[in-house]
Amino acid sequence: MKLDLSSQKSVREFAKEFLANESRLDLLVHNAAYAGVFKKSVSVDGIELTMATNHYGPFLLTHLLINVMKKSTPARIVVVSSKLHHVSTMKVTRIEDLNPISGPQSWFPGQIYHNSKFANILFTFELAKRLKRSNITANCLHPGMVDSNIWRNYPLFLQIPLYVFRFFLKSPQAGASVVLYVSLSERLKNITGKYFRKCKEARPNARIFNKQWQNILWDESKKIVKLTRHDPQI
């Protein structure tokens, strides 16, 4: 099955095909990510590409698959974020941060990526609250600095230092250890709404705990992905 998280049409087609072929879903891991640097890219839906791929795609997909997960309990939703959320300047009350295709938002290299990882945790914490009585847990994590292709969009003048830096990065296998722990550990079967690093619970940026921001991001995300009353609700 094909899935392009930056395209709402692709997300809906994937969910439709999945539901037509599968009767249960025990684990949903949101791991795919995009990092656009030094250039402004827009998705087919008119959404900034990093936010479309890293936040809005997973947000929509979670909604479309939530009913089959409720039939598969106990189930888990795991969102791969990053410790780079600590340097995010995101304010969900600024619409240009929710869809930064225009406006005075910061274009510091990677800032929108940092913001998308901040949004991941806000989303996870609000999701955990809304699923509290469903026997579905929702947690997020920082996998470590992993040597992956996510940096392929960096300009050429940064490729050389990145090539040197990659020798200090985790292998994909090592990075997967935290994902597997949060996804499968029996110790976490009743744990929800938490952030993990190095297979241990960690404290995210203090702004993550702003419940108003969690609600605002949720409500604005529903509008941006065009959820309707006919779609599954959380």
Foldseek 3Di string as FASTA:
>chain_A
DDADQLDLVRLVVVLVVCVVPDQADAEAEADDFAFAWPDFDAGPLRFTRRLSRLPLSVLVNCQQCVVRHLVHPLHEYEYEAALLLQVAPDDLVDVCLNGVPDDDDDRDTRNNSSSSSLNRLLQQLVVQVVCVPRNYAGEYEHLWFEPDCNCVNPDPVVPVVVVVVNVVGHYPVSSCVLVCLCRPPPVCSNPHSFYDDPSHTDDHHPVSPPNVSSVSSSVVSCVSSVDDPPTGDD
